[in-house]
């Protein structure tokens, strides 16, 4: 028995050394590098403004060449300024949202234009937009876009909030345009939302919204603002 025990111990001592190596230390994965804040995209702003200058100058020149009627001459100039601001601050994405707003707003203004003109409630200048229309519609959106490029404001307010405010400001104005233009074109009974009394179509103060206008407005936002 002693001989067997001795042989067993000798065999154990002859086992490869790696069998008795201590467990290797676990290596934890290194933490990922900190995520860059969106406002650090400021470095790309000069390039974006250069693109904005080129694109908007080209489009404005083409509009003058074909005699566009969507904007007055001064309205075209102010739209050029707005376009450069939006492209430089929010790239083509912010710019294209505002262009879509202009196209849709101008299109709905022309619906039943003859009827509106006969009632004296059509948009002035044949629906062409002037500087007051440009900034009245997009001043808030332009401020939101510029705020994205100002680090203290972007960090304090929040990039998602500014983007939401940008889209919401244009959506609200577009819904108001649809409600009033469709209401003036197709509405038969209009009323003041403050008193619910019948008024002629196109009446100011809540714009005398019609039922048809309010229903269409709900597709874009939910209720007329004027």
Protein backbone atom coordinates (compact mmCIF):
# COMPACT_ATOMS: atom_id res chain seq x y z
CA UNK A 1 0.00 0.00 0.00
CA UNK A 2 2.86 2.37 0.89
CA UNK A 3 4.50 1.51 -2.41
CA UNK A 4 1.33 2.33 -4.35
CA UNK A 5 0.92 5.66 -2.54
CA UNK A 6 4.49 6.56 -3.28
CA UNK A 7 4.08 5.78 -6.96
CA UNK A 8 0.89 7.90 -7.09
CA UNK A 9 2.64 10.93 -5.55
CA UNK A 10 5.55 10.59 -7.95
CA UNK A 11 3.15 10.51 -10.92
CA UNK A 12 1.36 13.59 -9.62
CA UNK A 13 4.58 15.56 -9.39
CA UNK A 14 5.40 14.64 -12.97
CA UNK A 15 2.19 16.25 -14.41
CA UNK A 16 2.78 19.13 -16.81
CA UNK A 17 3.33 22.43 -15.09
CA UNK A 18 0.54 24.12 -17.02
CA UNK A 19 -2.01 21.95 -15.22
CA UNK A 20 -1.25 23.78 -11.99
CA UNK A 21 -0.95 27.28 -13.39
CA UNK A 22 -3.17 29.77 -11.56
CA UNK A 23 -6.23 31.04 -13.42
CA UNK A 24 -5.42 33.92 -15.74
CA UNK A 25 -6.72 37.31 -14.81
CA UNK A 26 -9.91 38.27 -16.64
CA UNK A 27 -9.49 41.23 -18.98
CA UNK A 28 -12.53 43.48 -18.99
CA UNK A 29 -13.37 45.21 -22.28
CA UNK A 30 -12.30 48.82 -22.40
CA UNK A 31 -15.07 51.39 -22.19
CA UNK A 32 -16.06 53.01 -25.51
CA UNK A 33 -14.86 56.56 -26.15
CA UNK A 34 -17.25 59.28 -24.99
CA UNK A 35 -19.93 60.15 -27.49
CA UNK A 36 -19.49 63.47 -29.23
CA UNK A 37 -22.18 66.05 -28.68
CA UNK A 38 -24.19 66.96 -31.78
CA UNK A 39 -23.24 70.61 -31.35
CA UNK A 40 -19.63 69.71 -32.13
CA UNK A 41 -20.72 69.58 -35.76
CA UNK A 42 -19.96 73.32 -35.73
CA UNK A 43 -16.77 72.57 -37.69
CA UNK A 44 -18.91 71.73 -40.73
CA UNK A 45 -20.85 75.02 -40.68
CA UNK A 46 -18.59 77.01 -43.06
CA UNK A 47 -18.96 74.28 -45.67
CA UNK A 48 -22.72 74.13 -45.21
CA UNK A 49 -23.07 77.89 -45.61
CA UNK A 50 -21.04 77.73 -48.79
CA UNK A 51 -23.37 75.03 -50.11
CA UNK A 52 -26.37 77.10 -49.07
CA UNK A 53 -25.08 80.15 -50.89
CA UNK A 54 -24.53 78.14 -54.06
CA UNK A 55 -27.85 76.28 -54.04
CA UNK A 56 -30.04 79.25 -53.14
CA UNK A 57 -28.29 81.59 -55.56
CA UNK A 58 -28.79 79.07 -58.35
CA UNK A 59 -32.48 78.62 -57.54
CA UNK A 60 -33.10 82.35 -57.14
CA UNK A 61 -31.43 83.04 -60.48
CA UNK A 62 -33.52 80.34 -62.15
CA UNK A 63 -36.68 81.80 -60.61
CA UNK A 64 -35.89 85.26 -61.95
CA UNK A 65 -35.13 83.81 -65.38
CA UNK A 66 -38.48 82.02 -65.68
CA UNK A 67 -40.46 84.86 -64.10
CA UNK A 68 -41.70 82.99 -61.04
CA UNK A 69 -44.87 84.30 -59.37
CA UNK A 70 -44.70 82.50 -56.03
CA UNK A 71 -42.65 85.29 -54.41
CA UNK A 72 -42.47 89.03 -54.91
CA UNK A 73 -39.02 90.42 -55.84
CA UNK A 74 -38.33 91.41 -52.23
CA UNK A 75 -39.90 88.18 -51.03
CA UNK A 76 -37.46 86.27 -53.25
CA UNK A 77 -34.53 88.16 -51.72
CA UNK A 78 -35.67 87.40 -48.18
CA UNK A 79 -36.32 83.78 -49.11
CA UNK A 80 -32.74 83.59 -50.38
CA UNK A 81 -31.49 84.85 -47.01
CA UNK A 82 -33.72 82.38 -45.17
CA UNK A 83 -32.59 79.53 -47.40
CA UNK A 84 -28.91 80.25 -46.74
CA UNK A 85 -29.57 80.35 -42.97
CA UNK A 86 -31.48 77.07 -42.98
CA UNK A 87 -28.99 75.19 -45.16
CA UNK A 88 -26.02 76.53 -43.20
CA UNK A 89 -27.57 75.72 -39.82
CA UNK A 90 -29.59 72.58 -40.48
CA UNK A 91 -28.19 71.30 -43.78
CA UNK A 92 -30.40 70.28 -46.70
CA UNK A 93 -32.81 68.53 -44.32
CA UNK A 94 -34.02 71.71 -42.60
CA UNK A 95 -33.99 73.57 -45.91
CA UNK A 96 -36.10 70.95 -47.70
CA UNK A 97 -38.75 70.97 -44.95
CA UNK A 98 -39.20 74.72 -45.40
CA UNK A 99 -39.28 74.41 -49.20
CA UNK A 100 -42.00 71.77 -48.87
CA UNK A 101 -43.95 74.16 -46.64
CA UNK A 102 -43.67 76.93 -49.27
CA UNK A 103 -44.82 74.65 -52.09
CA UNK A 104 -47.82 73.28 -50.18
CA UNK A 105 -48.83 76.69 -48.81
CA UNK A 106 -48.66 78.33 -52.23
CA UNK A 107 -50.60 75.48 -53.83
CA UNK A 108 -53.49 75.52 -51.39
CA UNK A 109 -53.77 79.31 -51.73
CA UNK A 110 -54.71 78.88 -55.40
CA UNK A 111 -57.60 76.49 -54.71
CA UNK A 112 -60.85 78.15 -55.81
CA UNK A 113 -58.96 81.37 -56.31
CA UNK A 114 -61.69 82.89 -58.50
CA UNK A 115 -64.32 82.43 -55.81
CA UNK A 116 -62.10 83.99 -53.17
CA UNK A 117 -61.35 86.96 -55.42
CA UNK A 118 -65.06 87.50 -56.16
CA UNK A 119 -65.75 87.59 -52.41
CA UNK A 120 -62.76 89.85 -51.76
CA UNK A 121 -61.11 87.37 -49.40
CA UNK A 122 -58.27 86.11 -51.61
CA UNK A 123 -54.63 86.64 -50.68
CA UNK A 124 -53.23 89.90 -51.99
CA UNK A 125 -50.81 90.11 -54.94
CA UNK A 126 -52.33 86.98 -56.45
CA UNK A 127 -51.00 84.89 -53.58
CA UNK A 128 -47.36 85.90 -54.10
CA UNK A 129 -45.42 85.84 -50.83
CA UNK A 130 -43.59 88.94 -49.61
CA UNK A 131 -41.00 89.46 -46.85
CA UNK A 132 -43.69 89.62 -44.19
CA UNK A 133 -44.94 86.19 -45.25
CA UNK A 134 -41.44 84.72 -45.36
CA UNK A 135 -40.47 85.74 -41.83
CA UNK A 136 -43.96 85.49 -40.40
CA UNK A 137 -43.94 81.83 -41.38
CA UNK A 138 -40.32 80.80 -40.84
CA UNK A 139 -38.70 83.19 -38.33
CA UNK A 140 -39.22 80.74 -35.47
CA UNK A 141 -37.90 77.86 -37.56
CA UNK A 142 -34.81 79.90 -38.51
CA UNK A 143 -34.10 80.69 -34.83
CA UNK A 144 -34.40 77.01 -33.93
CA UNK A 145 -32.00 76.04 -36.70
CA UNK A 146 -29.46 78.68 -35.68
CA UNK A 147 -29.72 77.59 -32.04
CA UNK A 148 -28.54 74.12 -33.06
CA UNK A 149 -25.19 75.71 -33.97
CA UNK A 150 -24.77 77.63 -30.70
CA UNK A 151 -23.38 75.13 -28.13
CA UNK A 152 -24.70 76.86 -24.96
CA UNK A 153 -28.24 77.04 -26.38
CA UNK A 154 -28.16 73.56 -27.91
CA UNK A 155 -26.97 72.02 -24.62
CA UNK A 156 -29.35 74.04 -22.46
CA UNK A 157 -32.50 73.47 -24.53
CA UNK A 158 -31.62 70.11 -26.05
CA UNK A 159 -31.06 69.20 -29.68
CA UNK A 160 -34.19 66.98 -29.93
CA UNK A 161 -36.34 69.79 -28.50
CA UNK A 162 -34.98 72.31 -31.00
CA UNK A 163 -35.59 69.95 -33.91
CA UNK A 164 -39.13 69.30 -32.71
CA UNK A 165 -39.77 73.03 -32.31
CA UNK A 166 -38.45 73.63 -35.85
CA UNK A 167 -40.88 71.17 -37.42
CA UNK A 168 -43.78 72.13 -35.14
CA UNK A 169 -43.51 75.83 -36.00
CA UNK A 170 -43.84 75.12 -39.73
CA UNK A 171 -46.53 72.47 -39.26
CA UNK A 172 -48.62 74.86 -37.16
CA UNK A 173 -48.42 77.63 -39.75
CA UNK A 174 -49.17 75.24 -42.60
CA UNK A 175 -52.20 73.83 -40.80
CA UNK A 176 -53.50 77.36 -40.32
CA UNK A 177 -53.00 78.11 -44.02
CA UNK A 178 -54.82 74.94 -45.07
CA UNK A 179 -57.68 75.60 -42.65
CA UNK A 180 -58.26 79.18 -43.79
CA UNK A 181 -57.74 78.64 -47.53
CA UNK A 182 -59.89 75.50 -47.74
CA UNK A 183 -62.47 77.11 -45.50
CA UNK A 184 -62.68 80.21 -47.70
CA UNK A 185 -62.84 78.12 -50.85
CA UNK A 186 -65.39 75.47 -49.81
CA UNK A 187 -66.91 76.61 -46.53
CA UNK A 188 -70.54 77.72 -46.53
CA UNK A 189 -71.12 78.38 -42.87
CA UNK A 190 -68.34 80.09 -40.94
CA UNK A 191 -68.33 81.14 -37.31
CA UNK A 192 -66.19 82.79 -34.68
CA UNK A 193 -64.60 80.25 -32.40
CA UNK A 194 -64.86 82.71 -29.47
CA UNK A 195 -68.62 83.27 -29.70
CA UNK A 196 -69.79 80.53 -32.12
CA UNK A 197 -71.80 83.19 -33.97
CA UNK A 198 -72.09 82.96 -37.79
CA UNK A 199 -69.84 85.38 -39.69
CA UNK A 200 -69.03 85.95 -43.38
CA UNK A 201 -66.21 83.80 -44.81
CA UNK A 202 -62.79 85.37 -44.38
CA UNK A 203 -63.73 87.34 -41.27
CA UNK A 204 -60.65 88.17 -39.20
CA UNK A 205 -60.41 87.35 -35.51
CA UNK A 206 -60.01 83.58 -35.52
CA UNK A 207 -60.33 83.92 -39.32
CA UNK A 208 -63.95 82.74 -39.24
CA UNK A 209 -62.97 79.05 -39.62
CA UNK A 210 -65.43 76.81 -41.39
CA UNK A 211 -66.19 73.24 -40.43
CA UNK A 212 -64.47 71.98 -43.60
CA UNK A 213 -61.43 74.12 -42.86
CA UNK A 214 -61.18 72.86 -39.29
CA UNK A 215 -61.50 69.23 -40.38
CA UNK A 216 -58.67 69.62 -42.88
CA UNK A 217 -56.63 71.54 -40.33
CA UNK A 218 -56.91 68.55 -37.97
CA UNK A 219 -54.98 66.47 -40.50
CA UNK A 220 -51.96 68.73 -39.99
CA UNK A 221 -52.21 69.86 -36.40
CA UNK A 222 -55.64 69.83 -34.82
CA UNK A 223 -57.11 73.40 -34.62
CA UNK A 224 -56.72 76.75 -36.38
CA UNK A 225 -54.60 79.31 -34.56
CA UNK A 226 -56.16 82.50 -35.89
